[in-house]
Amino acid sequence: MFVSVVLDPGGVESANALVTVLAESGFKKVQRACWESVDVTEARLAELKKNIDRVTDYYDTVRLYQFPVEGMFVITELKQKRWKRCRMKGNAQRG
């Protein structure tokens, strides 16, 4: 699956740690605070989330944009040390 990770670190230490985690996970930096990978498996994503959780603190925010996940677009956010997930299913009608 495609995964894009957007970082809003609370400090320099966690910013450096997040960059290390993403680089070691095979993500490529595409913009200042945005990293992407096109070949992420479910197992690799679970490991990435564990590693992100390990190096972040209350003041860091990380958003993961994932597609496809069971045919849906998913946004997962770590904010104030809590993970939240939003799933969106496209149902637009073509005429």
PDB file of N, CA and C in Angstrom:
ATOM      1  N   MET A   1       0.834  -1.181   0.000  1.00  0.00           N
ATOM      2  CA  MET A   1       0.000   0.000   0.000  1.00  0.00           C
ATOM      3  C   MET A   1       0.874   1.237   0.000  1.00  0.00           C
ATOM      4  N   PHE A   2       0.306   2.349  -0.419  1.00  0.00           N
ATOM      5  CA  PHE A   2       0.980   3.642  -0.387  1.00  0.00           C
ATOM      6  C   PHE A   2       0.777   4.265   0.985  1.00  0.00           C
ATOM      7  N   VAL A   3       1.853   4.783   1.575  1.00  0.00           N
ATOM      8  CA  VAL A   3       1.773   5.471   2.863  1.00  0.00           C
ATOM      9  C   VAL A   3       2.578   6.762   2.775  1.00  0.00           C
ATOM     10  N   SER A   4       1.942   7.851   3.188  1.00  0.00           N
ATOM     11  CA  SER A   4       2.605   9.145   3.297  1.00  0.00           C
ATOM     12  C   SER A   4       2.579   9.536   4.768  1.00  0.00           C
ATOM     13  N   VAL A   5       3.714   9.997   5.286  1.00  0.00           N
ATOM     14  CA  VAL A   5       3.828  10.369   6.698  1.00  0.00           C
ATOM     15  C   VAL A   5       4.184  11.847   6.776  1.00  0.00           C
ATOM     16  N   VAL A   6       3.365  12.607   7.513  1.00  0.00           N
ATOM     17  CA  VAL A   6       3.609  14.036   7.695  1.00  0.00           C
ATOM     18  C   VAL A   6       3.961  14.267   9.157  1.00  0.00           C
ATOM     19  N   LEU A   7       5.074  14.951   9.384  1.00  0.00           N
ATOM     20  CA  LEU A   7       5.604  15.151  10.731  1.00  0.00           C
ATOM     21  C   LEU A   7       5.384  16.574  11.216  1.00  0.00           C
ATOM     22  N   ASP A   8       5.015  16.696  12.480  1.00  0.00           N
ATOM     23  CA  ASP A   8       4.985  17.990  13.175  1.00  0.00           C
ATOM     24  C   ASP A   8       5.583  17.743  14.556  1.00  0.00           C
ATOM     25  N   PRO A   9       6.914  17.613  14.610  1.00  0.00           N
ATOM     26  CA  PRO A   9       7.558  17.274  15.882  1.00  0.00           C
ATOM     27  C   PRO A   9       7.533  18.437  16.863  1.00  0.00           C
ATOM     28  N   GLY A  10       7.498  18.097  18.135  1.00  0.00           N
ATOM     29  CA  GLY A  10       7.488  19.104  19.180  1.00  0.00           C
ATOM     30  C   GLY A  10       8.867  19.624  19.530  1.00  0.00           C
ATOM     31  N   GLY A  11       9.906  18.952  19.081  1.00  0.00           N
ATOM     32  CA  GLY A  11      11.269  19.375  19.398  1.00  0.00           C
ATOM     33  C   GLY A  11      12.277  18.751  18.454  1.00  0.00           C
ATOM     34  N   VAL A  12      13.509  19.209  18.549  1.00  0.00           N
ATOM     35  CA  VAL A  12      14.580  18.752  17.664  1.00  0.00           C
ATOM     36  C   VAL A  12      14.903  17.280  17.896  1.00  0.00           C
ATOM     37  N   GLU A  13      14.921  16.863  19.160  1.00  0.00           N
ATOM     38  CA  GLU A  13      15.247  15.470  19.481  1.00  0.00           C
ATOM     39  C   GLU A  13      14.282  14.496  18.824  1.00  0.00           C
ATOM     40  N   SER A  14      12.987  14.747  18.997  1.00  0.00           N
ATOM     41  CA  SER A  14      12.007  13.839  18.411  1.00  0.00           C
ATOM     42  C   SER A  14      11.996  13.957  16.890  1.00  0.00           C
ATOM     43  N   ALA A  15      12.273  15.138  16.343  1.00  0.00           N
ATOM     44  CA  ALA A  15      12.354  15.296  14.884  1.00  0.00           C
ATOM     45  C   ALA A  15      13.454  14.405  14.324  1.00  0.00           C
ATOM     46  N   ASN A  16      14.620  14.434  14.943  1.00  0.00           N
ATOM     47  CA  ASN A  16      15.736  13.598  14.499  1.00  0.00           C
ATOM     48  C   ASN A  16      15.411  12.116  14.640  1.00  0.00           C
ATOM     49  N   ALA A  17      14.765  11.744  15.733  1.00  0.00           N
ATOM     50  CA  ALA A  17      14.403  10.340  15.953  1.00  0.00           C
ATOM     51  C   ALA A  17      13.382   9.872  14.915  1.00  0.00           C
ATOM     52  N   LEU A  18      12.403  10.714  14.600  1.00  0.00           N
ATOM     53  CA  LEU A  18      11.394  10.356  13.596  1.00  0.00           C
ATOM     54  C   LEU A  18      12.020  10.193  12.214  1.00  0.00           C
ATOM     55  N   VAL A  19      12.923  11.085  11.855  1.00  0.00           N
ATOM     56  CA  VAL A  19      13.612  10.989  10.565  1.00  0.00           C
ATOM     57  C   VAL A  19      14.390   9.680  10.483  1.00  0.00           C
ATOM     58  N   THR A  20      15.052   9.311  11.553  1.00  0.00           N
ATOM     59  CA  THR A  20      15.804   8.056  11.584  1.00  0.00           C
ATOM     60  C   THR A  20      14.877   6.861  11.403  1.00  0.00           C
ATOM     61  N   VAL A  21      13.760   6.847  12.122  1.00  0.00           N
ATOM     62  CA  VAL A  21      12.794   5.744  12.015  1.00  0.00           C
ATOM     63  C   VAL A  21      12.282   5.626  10.584  1.00  0.00           C
ATOM     64  N   LEU A  22      11.906   6.738   9.980  1.00  0.00           N
ATOM     65  CA  LEU A  22      11.363   6.703   8.621  1.00  0.00           C
ATOM     66  C   LEU A  22      12.416   6.273   7.601  1.00  0.00           C
ATOM     67  N   ALA A  23      13.618   6.794   7.715  1.00  0.00           N
ATOM     68  CA  ALA A  23      14.688   6.421   6.782  1.00  0.00           C
ATOM     69  C   ALA A  23      15.020   4.936   6.906  1.00  0.00           C
ATOM     70  N   GLU A  24      15.086   4.431   8.132  1.00  0.00           N
ATOM     71  CA  GLU A  24      15.373   3.009   8.345  1.00  0.00           C
ATOM     72  C   GLU A  24      14.234   2.121   7.861  1.00  0.00           C
ATOM     73  N   SER A  25      13.030   2.673   7.764  1.00  0.00           N
ATOM     74  CA  SER A  25      11.868   1.916   7.299  1.00  0.00           C
ATOM     75  C   SER A  25      11.702   1.987   5.787  1.00  0.00           C
ATOM     76  N   GLY A  26      12.631   2.645   5.103  1.00  0.00           N
ATOM     77  CA  GLY A  26      12.588   2.696   3.651  1.00  0.00           C
ATOM     78  C   GLY A  26      11.781   3.841   3.061  1.00  0.00           C
ATOM     79  N   PHE A  27      11.378   4.790   3.876  1.00  0.00           N
ATOM     80  CA  PHE A  27      10.622   5.940   3.378  1.00  0.00           C
ATOM     81  C   PHE A  27      11.574   6.950   2.759  1.00  0.00           C
ATOM     82  N   LYS A  28      11.084   7.672   1.763  1.00  0.00           N
ATOM     83  CA  LYS A  28      11.863   8.706   1.082  1.00  0.00           C
ATOM     84  C   LYS A  28      11.265  10.069   1.397  1.00  0.00           C
ATOM     85  N   LYS A  29      12.125  11.027   1.668  1.00  0.00           N
ATOM     86  CA  LYS A  29      11.674  12.387   1.948  1.00  0.00           C
ATOM     87  C   LYS A  29      11.267  13.042   0.630  1.00  0.00           C
ATOM     88  N   VAL A  30      10.007  13.544   0.559  1.00  0.00           N
ATOM     89  CA  VAL A  30       9.519  14.169  -0.668  1.00  0.00           C
ATOM     90  C   VAL A  30       9.266  15.666  -0.497  1.00  0.00           C
ATOM     91  N   GLN A  31       9.080  16.110   0.726  1.00  0.00           N
ATOM     92  CA  GLN A  31       8.947  17.523   1.059  1.00  0.00           C
ATOM     93  C   GLN A  31       9.546  17.722   2.438  1.00  0.00           C
ATOM     94  N   ARG A  32       9.528  18.958   2.918  1.00  0.00           N
ATOM     95  CA  ARG A  32      10.207  19.272   4.178  1.00  0.00           C
ATOM     96  C   ARG A  32       9.786  18.353   5.328  1.00  0.00           C
ATOM     97  N   ALA A  33       8.503  18.116   5.502  1.00  0.00           N
ATOM     98  CA  ALA A  33       8.033  17.293   6.619  1.00  0.00           C
ATOM     99  C   ALA A  33       7.206  16.108   6.142  1.00  0.00           C
ATOM    100  N   CYS A  34       7.416  15.684   4.893  1.00  0.00           N
ATOM    101  CA  CYS A  34       6.600  14.617   4.306  1.00  0.00           C
ATOM    102  C   CYS A  34       7.493  13.512   3.753  1.00  0.00           C
ATOM    103  N   TRP A  35       7.185  12.281   4.161  1.00  0.00           N
ATOM    104  CA  TRP A  35       7.921  11.097   3.732  1.00  0.00           C
ATOM    105  C   TRP A  35       6.934  10.120   3.108  1.00  0.00           C
ATOM    106  N   GLU A  36       7.366   9.365   2.074  1.00  0.00           N
ATOM    107  CA  GLU A  36       6.459   8.445   1.389  1.00  0.00           C
ATOM    108  C   GLU A  36       7.129   7.120   1.058  1.00  0.00           C
ATOM    109  N   SER A  37       6.265   6.102   0.956  1.00  0.00           N
ATOM    110  CA  SER A  37       6.681   4.789   0.476  1.00  0.00           C
ATOM    111  C   SER A  37       5.493   4.167  -0.252  1.00  0.00           C
ATOM    112  N   VAL A  38       5.775   3.449  -1.328  1.00  0.00           N
ATOM    113  CA  VAL A  38       4.697   2.845  -2.112  1.00  0.00           C
ATOM    114  C   VAL A  38       4.560   1.344  -1.890  1.00  0.00           C
ATOM    115  N   ASP A  39       5.405   0.759  -1.076  1.00  0.00           N
ATOM    116  CA  ASP A  39       5.371  -0.699  -0.907  1.00  0.00           C
ATOM    117  C   ASP A  39       5.345  -1.118   0.562  1.00  0.00           C
ATOM    118  N   VAL A  40       4.403  -0.575   1.307  1.00  0.00           N
ATOM    119  CA  VAL A  40       4.297  -0.865   2.739  1.00  0.00           C
ATOM    120  C   VAL A  40       3.290  -1.996   2.955  1.00  0.00           C
ATOM    121  N   THR A  41       3.705  -3.020   3.669  1.00  0.00           N
ATOM    122  CA  THR A  41       2.794  -4.108   4.030  1.00  0.00           C
ATOM    123  C   THR A  41       2.127  -3.785   5.366  1.00  0.00           C
ATOM    124  N   GLU A  42       1.084  -4.530   5.694  1.00  0.00           N
ATOM    125  CA  GLU A  42       0.404  -4.338   6.984  1.00  0.00           C
ATOM    126  C   GLU A  42       1.370  -4.564   8.144  1.00  0.00           C
ATOM    127  N   ALA A  43       2.203  -5.593   8.035  1.00  0.00           N
ATOM    128  CA  ALA A  43       3.160  -5.895   9.107  1.00  0.00           C
ATOM    129  C   ALA A  43       4.187  -4.775   9.254  1.00  0.00           C
ATOM    130  N   ARG A  44       4.663  -4.274   8.129  1.00  0.00           N
ATOM    131  CA  ARG A  44       5.642  -3.182   8.163  1.00  0.00           C
ATOM    132  C   ARG A  44       5.022  -1.904   8.728  1.00  0.00           C
ATOM    133  N   LEU A  45       3.754  -1.651   8.409  1.00  0.00           N
ATOM    134  CA  LEU A  45       3.059  -0.481   8.940  1.00  0.00           C
ATOM    135  C   LEU A  45       2.888  -0.594  10.454  1.00  0.00           C
ATOM    136  N   ALA A  46       2.533  -1.771  10.936  1.00  0.00           N
ATOM    137  CA  ALA A  46       2.383  -1.980  12.383  1.00  0.00           C
ATOM    138  C   ALA A  46       3.709  -1.741  13.101  1.00  0.00           C
ATOM    139  N   GLU A  47       4.794  -2.225  12.528  1.00  0.00           N
ATOM    140  CA  GLU A  47       6.122  -2.016  13.114  1.00  0.00           C
ATOM    141  C   GLU A  47       6.499  -0.534  13.091  1.00  0.00           C
ATOM    142  N   LEU A  48       6.182   0.145  11.991  1.00  0.00           N
ATOM    143  CA  LEU A  48       6.458   1.578  11.883  1.00  0.00           C
ATOM    144  C   LEU A  48       5.714   2.353  12.965  1.00  0.00           C
ATOM    145  N   LYS A  49       4.448   2.038  13.166  1.00  0.00           N
ATOM    146  CA  LYS A  49       3.667   2.742  14.189  1.00  0.00           C
ATOM    147  C   LYS A  49       4.240   2.508  15.585  1.00  0.00           C
ATOM    148  N   LYS A  50       4.698   1.295  15.865  1.00  0.00           N
ATOM    149  CA  LYS A  50       5.337   1.014  17.160  1.00  0.00           C
ATOM    150  C   LYS A  50       6.592   1.858  17.340  1.00  0.00           C
ATOM    151  N   ASN A  51       7.397   1.928  16.287  1.00  0.00           N
ATOM    152  CA  ASN A  51       8.638   2.700  16.361  1.00  0.00           C
ATOM    153  C   ASN A  51       8.367   4.193  16.488  1.00  0.00           C
ATOM    154  N   ILE A  52       7.364   4.688  15.779  1.00  0.00           N
ATOM    155  CA  ILE A  52       6.990   6.102  15.903  1.00  0.00           C
ATOM    156  C   ILE A  52       6.525   6.383  17.322  1.00  0.00           C
ATOM    157  N   ASP A  53       5.702   5.507  17.858  1.00  0.00           N
ATOM    158  CA  ASP A  53       5.195   5.682  19.221  1.00  0.00           C
ATOM    159  C   ASP A  53       6.334   5.689  20.242  1.00  0.00           C
ATOM    160  N   ARG A  54       7.341   4.875  19.986  1.00  0.00           N
ATOM    161  CA  ARG A  54       8.481   4.755  20.900  1.00  0.00           C
ATOM    162  C   ARG A  54       9.314   6.038  20.968  1.00  0.00           C
ATOM    163  N   VAL A  55       9.445   6.763  19.836  1.00  0.00           N
ATOM    164  CA  VAL A  55      10.342   7.925  19.804  1.00  0.00           C
ATOM    165  C   VAL A  55       9.632   9.274  19.932  1.00  0.00           C
ATOM    166  N   THR A  56       8.320   9.261  20.076  1.00  0.00           N
ATOM    167  CA  THR A  56       7.578  10.524  20.175  1.00  0.00           C
ATOM    168  C   THR A  56       7.148  10.792  21.607  1.00  0.00           C
ATOM    169  N   ASP A  57       6.752  12.045  21.848  1.00  0.00           N
ATOM    170  CA  ASP A  57       6.200  12.400  23.150  1.00  0.00           C
ATOM    171  C   ASP A  57       4.882  13.152  22.957  1.00  0.00           C
ATOM    172  N   TYR A  58       4.344  13.675  24.032  1.00  0.00           N
ATOM    173  CA  TYR A  58       3.030  14.322  24.053  1.00  0.00           C
ATOM    174  C   TYR A  58       2.930  15.477  23.059  1.00  0.00           C
ATOM    175  N   TYR A  59       4.028  16.147  22.772  1.00  0.00           N
ATOM    176  CA  TYR A  59       4.003  17.361  21.947  1.00  0.00           C
ATOM    177  C   TYR A  59       4.184  17.107  20.451  1.00  0.00           C
ATOM    178  N   ASP A  60       4.386  15.864  20.063  1.00  0.00           N
ATOM    179  CA  ASP A  60       4.584  15.517  18.654  1.00  0.00           C
ATOM    180  C   ASP A  60       3.261  15.122  18.004  1.00  0.00           C
ATOM    181  N   THR A  61       3.124  15.466  16.733  1.00  0.00           N
ATOM    182  CA  THR A  61       1.974  15.032  15.940  1.00  0.00           C
ATOM    183  C   THR A  61       2.501  14.382  14.666  1.00  0.00           C
ATOM    184  N   VAL A  62       1.947  13.210  14.354  1.00  0.00           N
ATOM    185  CA  VAL A  62       2.328  12.476  13.149  1.00  0.00           C
ATOM    186  C   VAL A  62       1.046  12.013  12.472  1.00  0.00           C
ATOM    187  N   ARG A  63       0.948  12.256  11.165  1.00  0.00           N
ATOM    188  CA  ARG A  63      -0.217  11.798  10.399  1.00  0.00           C
ATOM    189  C   ARG A  63       0.240  10.837   9.319  1.00  0.00           C
ATOM    190  N   LEU A  64      -0.467   9.716   9.192  1.00  0.00           N
ATOM    191  CA  LEU A  64      -0.197   8.730   8.157  1.00  0.00           C
ATOM    192  C   LEU A  64      -1.390   8.693   7.213  1.00  0.00           C
ATOM    193  N   TYR A  65      -1.126   8.854   5.924  1.00  0.00           N
ATOM    194  CA  TYR A  65      -2.154   8.758   4.892  1.00  0.00           C
ATOM    195  C   TYR A  65      -1.919   7.443   4.162  1.00  0.00           C
ATOM    196  N   GLN A  66      -2.915   6.545   4.172  1.00  0.00           N
ATOM    197  CA  GLN A  66      -2.739   5.200   3.643  1.00  0.00           C
ATOM    198  C   GLN A  66      -3.792   4.898   2.577  1.00  0.00           C
ATOM    199  N   PHE A  67      -3.345   4.241   1.485  1.00  0.00           N
ATOM    200  CA  PHE A  67      -4.283   3.786   0.463  1.00  0.00           C
ATOM    201  C   PHE A  67      -3.647   2.648  -0.314  1.00  0.00           C
ATOM    202  N   PRO A  68      -4.382   1.606  -0.617  1.00  0.00           N
ATOM    203  CA  PRO A  68      -5.718   1.278  -0.135  1.00  0.00           C
ATOM    204  C   PRO A  68      -5.656   0.438   1.137  1.00  0.00           C
ATOM    205  N   VAL A  69      -6.616   0.608   1.984  1.00  0.00           N
ATOM    206  CA  VAL A  69      -6.799  -0.226   3.170  1.00  0.00           C
ATOM    207  C   VAL A  69      -8.232  -0.728   3.093  1.00  0.00           C
ATOM    208  N   GLU A  70      -8.396  -1.991   2.722  1.00  0.00           N
ATOM    209  CA  GLU A  70      -9.718  -2.577   2.514  1.00  0.00           C
ATOM    210  C   GLU A  70     -10.546  -1.709   1.568  1.00  0.00           C
ATOM    211  N   GLY A  71      -9.902  -1.194   0.523  1.00  0.00           N
ATOM    212  CA  GLY A  71     -10.577  -0.380  -0.474  1.00  0.00           C
ATOM    213  C   GLY A  71     -10.855   1.049  -0.050  1.00  0.00           C
ATOM    214  N   MET A  72     -10.339   1.451   1.093  1.00  0.00           N
ATOM    215  CA  MET A  72     -10.608   2.793   1.607  1.00  0.00           C
ATOM    216  C   MET A  72      -9.324   3.601   1.730  1.00  0.00           C
ATOM    217  N   PHE A  73      -9.514   4.930   1.819  1.00  0.00           N
ATOM    218  CA  PHE A  73      -8.436   5.865   2.128  1.00  0.00           C
ATOM    219  C   PHE A  73      -8.469   6.071   3.634  1.00  0.00           C
ATOM    220  N   VAL A  74      -7.328   5.898   4.305  1.00  0.00           N
ATOM    221  CA  VAL A  74      -7.289   5.962   5.767  1.00  0.00           C
ATOM    222  C   VAL A  74      -6.285   7.020   6.209  1.00  0.00           C
ATOM    223  N   ILE A  75      -6.706   7.834   7.174  1.00  0.00           N
ATOM    224  CA  ILE A  75      -5.809   8.790   7.819  1.00  0.00           C
ATOM    225  C   ILE A  75      -5.674   8.357   9.270  1.00  0.00           C
ATOM    226  N   THR A  76      -4.444   8.114   9.691  1.00  0.00           N
ATOM    227  CA  THR A  76      -4.166   7.739  11.072  1.00  0.00           C
ATOM    228  C   THR A  76      -3.309   8.842  11.673  1.00  0.00           C
ATOM    229  N   GLU A  77      -3.689   9.308  12.860  1.00  0.00           N
ATOM    230  CA  GLU A  77      -2.977  10.423  13.479  1.00  0.00           C
ATOM    231  C   GLU A  77      -2.549  10.079  14.896  1.00  0.00           C
ATOM    232  N   LEU A  78      -1.298  10.406  15.200  1.00  0.00           N
ATOM    233  CA  LEU A  78      -0.792  10.327  16.571  1.00  0.00           C
ATOM    234  C   LEU A  78      -0.717  11.758  17.086  1.00  0.00           C
ATOM    235  N   LYS A  79      -1.535  12.054  18.076  1.00  0.00           N
ATOM    236  CA  LYS A  79      -1.565  13.397  18.659  1.00  0.00           C
ATOM    237  C   LYS A  79      -1.726  13.245  20.159  1.00  0.00           C
ATOM    238  N   GLN A  80      -0.892  13.926  20.911  1.00  0.00           N
ATOM    239  CA  GLN A  80      -0.906  13.860  22.374  1.00  0.00           C
ATOM    240  C   GLN A  80      -0.809  12.405  22.851  1.00  0.00           C
ATOM    241  N   LYS A  81       0.061  11.641  22.151  1.00  0.00           N
ATOM    242  CA  LYS A  81       0.365  10.232  22.467  1.00  0.00           C
ATOM    243  C   LYS A  81      -0.841   9.307  22.313  1.00  0.00           C
ATOM    244  N   ARG A  82      -1.825   9.692  21.486  1.00  0.00           N
ATOM    245  CA  ARG A  82      -2.988   8.839  21.229  1.00  0.00           C
ATOM    246  C   ARG A  82      -3.166   8.675  19.727  1.00  0.00           C
ATOM    247  N   TRP A  83      -3.388   7.436  19.308  1.00  0.00           N
ATOM    248  CA  TRP A  83      -3.635   7.151  17.895  1.00  0.00           C
ATOM    249  C   TRP A  83      -5.125   7.250  17.609  1.00  0.00           C
ATOM    250  N   LYS A  84      -5.472   7.903  16.502  1.00  0.00           N
ATOM    251  CA  LYS A  84      -6.861   7.972  16.035  1.00  0.00           C
ATOM    252  C   LYS A  84      -6.860   7.647  14.554  1.00  0.00           C
ATOM    253  N   ARG A  85      -7.963   7.036  14.086  1.00  0.00           N
ATOM    254  CA  ARG A  85      -8.047   6.618  12.687  1.00  0.00           C
ATOM    255  C   ARG A  85      -9.358   7.083  12.070  1.00  0.00           C
ATOM    256  N   CYS A  86      -9.265   7.565  10.855  1.00  0.00           N
ATOM    257  CA  CYS A  86     -10.433   7.989  10.082  1.00  0.00           C
ATOM    258  C   CYS A  86     -10.404   7.236   8.755  1.00  0.00           C
ATOM    259  N   ARG A  87     -11.497   6.521   8.445  1.00  0.00           N
ATOM    260  CA  ARG A  87     -11.582   5.764   7.193  1.00  0.00           C
ATOM    261  C   ARG A  87     -12.592   6.429   6.269  1.00  0.00           C
ATOM    262  N   MET A  88     -12.220   6.561   5.007  1.00  0.00           N
ATOM    263  CA  MET A  88     -13.117   7.169   4.028  1.00  0.00           C
ATOM    264  C   MET A  88     -13.274   6.243   2.835  1.00  0.00           C
ATOM    265  N   LYS A  89     -14.518   5.969   2.527  1.00  0.00           N
ATOM    266  CA  LYS A  89     -14.816   5.118   1.389  1.00  0.00           C
ATOM    267  C   LYS A  89     -15.379   5.988   0.277  1.00  0.00           C
ATOM    268  N   GLY A  90     -14.797   5.896  -0.895  1.00  0.00           N
ATOM    269  CA  GLY A  90     -15.284   6.673  -2.035  1.00  0.00           C
ATOM    270  C   GLY A  90     -16.545   6.052  -2.598  1.00  0.00           C
ATOM    271  N   ASN A  91     -17.576   6.854  -2.741  1.00  0.00           N
ATOM    272  CA  ASN A  91     -18.823   6.356  -3.320  1.00  0.00           C
ATOM    273  C   ASN A  91     -19.390   7.366  -4.309  1.00  0.00           C
ATOM    274  N   ALA A  92     -18.503   8.080  -4.974  1.00  0.00           N
ATOM    275  CA  ALA A  92     -18.943   9.076  -5.952  1.00  0.00           C
ATOM    276  C   ALA A  92     -19.544   8.373  -7.166  1.00  0.00           C
ATOM    277  N   GLN A  93     -20.636   8.890  -7.650  1.00  0.00           N
ATOM    278  CA  GLN A  93     -21.311   8.345  -8.826  1.00  0.00           C
ATOM    279  C   GLN A  93     -20.778   9.034 -10.074  1.00  0.00           C
ATOM    280  N   ARG A  94     -20.499   8.253 -11.078  1.00  0.00           N
ATOM    281  CA  ARG A  94     -20.073   8.827 -12.361  1.00  0.00           C
ATOM    282  C   ARG A  94     -21.271   8.868 -13.288  1.00  0.00           C
ATOM    283  N   GLY A  95     -21.397   9.955 -13.999  1.00  0.00           N
ATOM    284  CA  GLY A  95     -22.570  10.111 -14.850  1.00  0.00           C
ATOM    285  C   GLY A  95     -22.261  10.032 -16.235  1.00  0.00           C
TER     286      GLY A  95
END
